[in-house]
Every structure is written in C-alpha cells, then in structure tokens.
Amino acid sequence: MSVEVVKKQFSIEDYYRIAAAGVFREDDRVELIEGEIIEMSPIGSRHAACVGRLTELLGDRARSVAMLWVQNPVQINDYSEPVPDVTLLRRRADFYAHAKPLPEDVLLLVEVSDTTVNYDRKVKLPLYARGGVPEVWVVNLSEELIEVYARPADGAYQETRLVRRGESVTASAIDGLTVEADAVLG
C-alpha cells in the first residue's frame, strides 16, 4: 500500500499566526515562498556591503520618485511573501503601514546573491514573474555581474541581459535611474 505525502502549504495569514505564537525567534531569517517557510542564508560581509552600496546608490538617485524598501517583505500572492534585499516602490503617504507592498507597487526589485544565485533564478525569479514584478536585478556576486530580468509574461521574464563591470544598468520603470555595475559590485 502506498501513501501519498502531502505538504501543508501555509498562507500568509497562517505564517503570521505561527510567528505570533512565538515559533520564530526575533533574529530568525525566514520568508514564505509558495506556502513553505524557508530559512534564509546568513548575510555575509560581501552581501551586506553590496546591499549597503545599493541602498545608497538607489536611494540617492530615486528618492524623488520611489520609496526605498530594504530587506522588507513584498506580498506576491496569498502564499508568498519573500524578503528581497532592495526594492524600489511607488510612493505612498502611509509608507505601506496599512498593507504590505504588492507586485503592482514594485518599480524595481533587487536580490543580492552570493551563495543563493541558483535558488534566486529557479525559485524566486519565476515567482516574481508570475506575480507581475516588472523588473528584477540579481546581483551575482560570485560571477561579478548584474542579471537584469524584465517584461514578465506567462510566468517568465521575456527580456534578460547581463551587465558586467565597466557597463551600466538602467531601471526601465524609473526615468534616469542608471547605475554603474562597478559601483554596485564594489
């Protein structure tokens, strides 16, 4: 006799009930991806430095048109609430105090990948594309380049390009937001 194994998928509502019950410690780094609670990798010094550079660069250049959202959740659907490294959001007077940002609020989402590039490409990118996030940059620290994904359709990004050292990258949804790859990669 065979037994079918069924995974329990947690909704965002379930996820917050679990957190409120004290299952997670305050310093636990977890996110909800497709109904599964995923432990995030520890943040190494290269990763932290890159997030710091992005925060400064993007914050300075987009302040008048976008809100900088650093290592905070974005609700993609009822079962996924990833915590991207840096996100530029449409400005809201309440700073998203009454509801978390949704894909339609995102102008640019950035994942910094030191050891998680395969996971980001195979799991998070399709999730973001299905959700309709318009543009994602994966800062691939091990290969020293920025992977740009844009124009989501049918659960995949239709436009992909690699930005190497010595080149610059422009955010498609924010006029005039261009950064040098060297400035991001350090």
Protein backbone atom coordinates (compact mmCIF):
# COMPACT_ATOMS: atom_id res chain seq x y z
CA MET A 1 0.00 0.00 0.00
CA SER A 2 1.42 3.37 -0.96
CA VAL A 3 0.81 6.53 0.97
CA GLU A 4 0.74 9.88 -0.74
CA VAL A 5 2.76 12.52 1.07
CA VAL A 6 1.05 15.88 1.12
CA LYS A 7 2.84 19.06 2.09
CA LYS A 8 0.99 21.60 4.20
CA GLN A 9 1.01 24.93 2.42
CA PHE A 10 0.89 27.90 4.73
CA SER A 11 -0.92 31.07 3.73
CA ILE A 12 0.45 34.46 4.72
CA GLU A 13 -2.26 34.56 7.39
CA ASP A 14 -1.04 31.19 8.77
CA TYR A 15 2.56 32.41 8.62
CA TYR A 16 1.82 35.43 10.81
CA ARG A 17 -0.21 33.33 13.26
CA ILE A 18 2.80 31.00 13.60
CA ALA A 19 5.08 33.98 14.17
CA ALA A 20 2.68 35.48 16.75
CA ALA A 21 2.67 32.14 18.59
CA GLY A 22 6.41 32.59 19.16
CA VAL A 23 7.64 29.78 16.92
CA PHE A 24 10.27 32.06 15.38
CA ARG A 25 12.91 33.92 17.34
CA GLU A 26 13.28 37.64 16.67
CA ASP A 27 16.54 37.11 14.79
CA ASP A 28 15.31 34.18 12.66
CA ARG A 29 15.65 34.98 8.96
CA VAL A 30 12.73 33.30 7.25
CA GLU A 31 10.42 34.04 4.35
CA LEU A 32 7.31 32.42 2.94
CA ILE A 33 7.76 31.07 -0.59
CA GLU A 34 4.93 29.17 -2.31
CA GLY A 35 3.43 28.21 1.07
CA GLU A 36 6.72 26.94 2.53
CA ILE A 37 8.62 28.63 5.30
CA ILE A 38 12.18 28.97 4.03
CA GLU A 39 15.18 29.74 6.20
CA MET A 40 17.23 32.42 4.50
CA SER A 41 21.01 32.21 4.22
CA PRO A 42 23.08 34.22 6.67
CA ILE A 43 24.23 37.59 5.38
CA GLY A 44 27.97 37.60 4.69
CA SER A 45 30.12 40.71 4.58
CA ARG A 46 30.21 40.94 0.74
CA HIS A 47 26.43 40.62 0.62
CA ALA A 48 25.93 43.24 3.35
CA ALA A 49 28.35 45.65 1.66
CA CYS A 50 26.55 45.28 -1.67
CA VAL A 51 23.16 45.92 -0.06
CA GLY A 52 24.67 49.00 1.58
CA ARG A 53 26.01 50.27 -1.76
CA LEU A 54 22.66 49.63 -3.47
CA THR A 55 20.81 51.39 -0.67
CA GLU A 56 22.97 54.46 -1.06
CA LEU A 57 23.03 54.47 -4.87
CA LEU A 58 19.36 53.76 -5.48
CA GLY A 59 18.21 55.90 -2.56
CA ASP A 60 20.13 58.92 -3.80
CA ARG A 61 19.02 58.55 -7.42
CA ALA A 62 15.39 57.56 -6.97
CA ARG A 63 14.37 59.44 -3.83
CA SER A 64 12.08 61.88 -5.63
CA VAL A 65 10.10 59.20 -7.48
CA ALA A 66 10.34 56.00 -5.44
CA MET A 67 10.45 54.71 -1.90
CA LEU A 68 13.41 52.57 -0.89
CA TRP A 69 12.40 49.30 0.85
CA VAL A 70 15.44 47.44 2.23
CA GLN A 71 15.20 43.80 3.35
CA ASN A 72 11.46 44.12 3.95
CA PRO A 73 8.68 41.82 2.70
CA VAL A 74 6.71 42.12 -0.52
CA GLN A 75 3.48 40.13 -0.78
CA ILE A 76 3.47 38.35 -4.15
CA ASN A 77 0.33 36.28 -3.59
CA ASP A 78 -1.57 34.64 -0.69
CA TYR A 79 1.22 32.06 -0.23
CA SER A 80 4.41 34.02 -0.91
CA GLU A 81 6.00 36.88 0.96
CA PRO A 82 9.70 36.99 0.06
CA VAL A 83 12.12 39.45 1.63
CA PRO A 84 14.14 40.90 -1.26
CA ASP A 85 17.34 42.76 -0.48
CA VAL A 86 16.34 46.10 -2.03
CA THR A 87 13.07 47.19 -3.60
CA LEU A 88 12.03 50.49 -5.10
CA LEU A 89 8.31 51.05 -4.56
CA ARG A 90 5.73 53.54 -5.71
CA ARG A 91 5.49 56.27 -3.09
CA ARG A 92 2.62 56.02 -0.60
CA ALA A 93 1.84 58.53 2.12
CA ASP A 94 1.45 55.77 4.74
CA PHE A 95 4.81 54.13 3.87
CA TYR A 96 2.90 50.84 3.48
CA ALA A 97 1.86 50.83 7.14
CA HIS A 98 -1.69 49.65 6.31
CA ALA A 99 -0.80 46.97 3.76
CA LYS A 100 2.39 45.41 2.51
CA PRO A 101 3.54 46.25 -0.99
CA LEU A 102 2.18 44.09 -3.79
CA PRO A 103 3.77 43.43 -7.22
CA GLU A 104 1.94 46.41 -8.73
CA ASP A 105 3.65 48.67 -6.17
CA VAL A 106 7.13 47.48 -7.20
CA LEU A 107 9.18 49.53 -9.66
CA LEU A 108 12.41 47.52 -9.24
CA LEU A 109 13.30 44.55 -7.07
CA VAL A 110 16.91 43.54 -6.37
CA GLU A 111 18.21 40.25 -4.99
CA VAL A 112 21.88 40.16 -3.98
CA SER A 113 23.18 36.63 -4.48
CA ASP A 114 26.42 35.38 -3.06
CA THR A 115 25.59 31.72 -2.45
CA THR A 116 21.91 31.63 -3.48
CA VAL A 117 22.05 32.53 -7.18
CA ASN A 118 20.60 29.19 -8.36
CA TYR A 119 17.74 29.43 -5.86
CA ASP A 120 17.07 33.02 -6.89
CA ARG A 121 17.00 32.06 -10.58
CA LYS A 122 14.98 28.85 -10.26
CA VAL A 123 12.54 29.70 -7.47
CA LYS A 124 12.31 33.43 -6.86
CA LEU A 125 12.50 34.74 -10.45
CA PRO A 126 9.59 32.60 -11.68
CA LEU A 127 7.63 33.63 -8.57
CA TYR A 128 8.28 37.31 -9.28
CA ALA A 129 7.41 36.87 -12.97
CA ARG A 130 4.13 35.09 -12.15
CA GLY A 131 3.32 37.89 -9.72
CA GLY A 132 3.99 40.55 -12.34
CA VAL A 133 7.01 42.26 -10.76
CA PRO A 134 8.12 44.41 -13.74
CA GLU A 135 11.89 44.24 -13.30
CA VAL A 136 14.30 42.23 -11.17
CA TRP A 137 18.06 42.60 -10.86
CA VAL A 138 20.04 39.68 -9.49
CA VAL A 139 23.40 40.96 -8.34
CA ASN A 140 25.51 37.86 -8.88
CA LEU A 141 28.50 38.45 -6.61
CA SER A 142 30.30 35.20 -7.45
CA GLU A 143 30.34 36.00 -11.19
CA GLU A 144 30.63 39.76 -10.62
CA LEU A 145 27.73 40.80 -12.81
CA ILE A 146 24.15 42.02 -12.65
CA GLU A 147 21.46 39.86 -14.26
CA VAL A 148 18.55 42.00 -15.44
CA TYR A 149 15.12 40.44 -15.93
CA ALA A 150 12.22 42.50 -17.32
CA ARG A 151 8.83 42.30 -19.00
CA PRO A 152 7.09 39.41 -17.23
CA ALA A 153 4.59 37.42 -19.28
CA ASP A 154 3.21 33.90 -18.96
CA GLY A 155 5.20 33.29 -15.75
CA ALA A 156 8.61 34.17 -17.19
CA TYR A 157 10.69 37.23 -17.95
CA GLN A 158 10.77 37.97 -21.66
CA GLU A 159 13.86 40.15 -21.52
CA THR A 160 17.14 39.08 -19.93
CA ARG A 161 20.56 40.66 -20.11
CA LEU A 162 23.87 40.57 -18.28
CA VAL A 163 25.59 43.73 -17.13
CA ARG A 164 29.30 43.35 -16.49
CA ARG A 165 31.93 45.52 -14.87
CA GLY A 166 32.54 48.66 -16.92
CA GLU A 167 28.90 48.75 -18.05
CA SER A 168 25.86 50.48 -16.60
CA VAL A 169 22.33 49.32 -15.94
CA THR A 170 19.17 51.42 -16.25
CA ALA A 171 15.92 50.69 -14.44
CA SER A 172 13.17 50.62 -17.06
CA ALA A 173 10.39 51.89 -14.78
CA ILE A 174 12.27 54.90 -13.41
CA ASP A 175 13.36 57.57 -15.86
CA GLY A 176 17.02 58.44 -15.50
CA LEU A 177 17.90 55.76 -12.94
CA THR A 178 21.20 54.40 -14.19
CA VAL A 179 23.96 52.89 -12.06
CA GLU A 180 27.39 51.60 -12.94
CA ALA A 181 27.93 47.89 -12.36
CA ASP A 182 31.29 48.67 -10.71
CA ALA A 183 29.54 50.91 -8.17
CA VAL A 184 27.14 48.10 -7.25
CA LEU A 185 29.72 45.29 -7.22
CA GLY A 186 32.35 47.31 -5.31
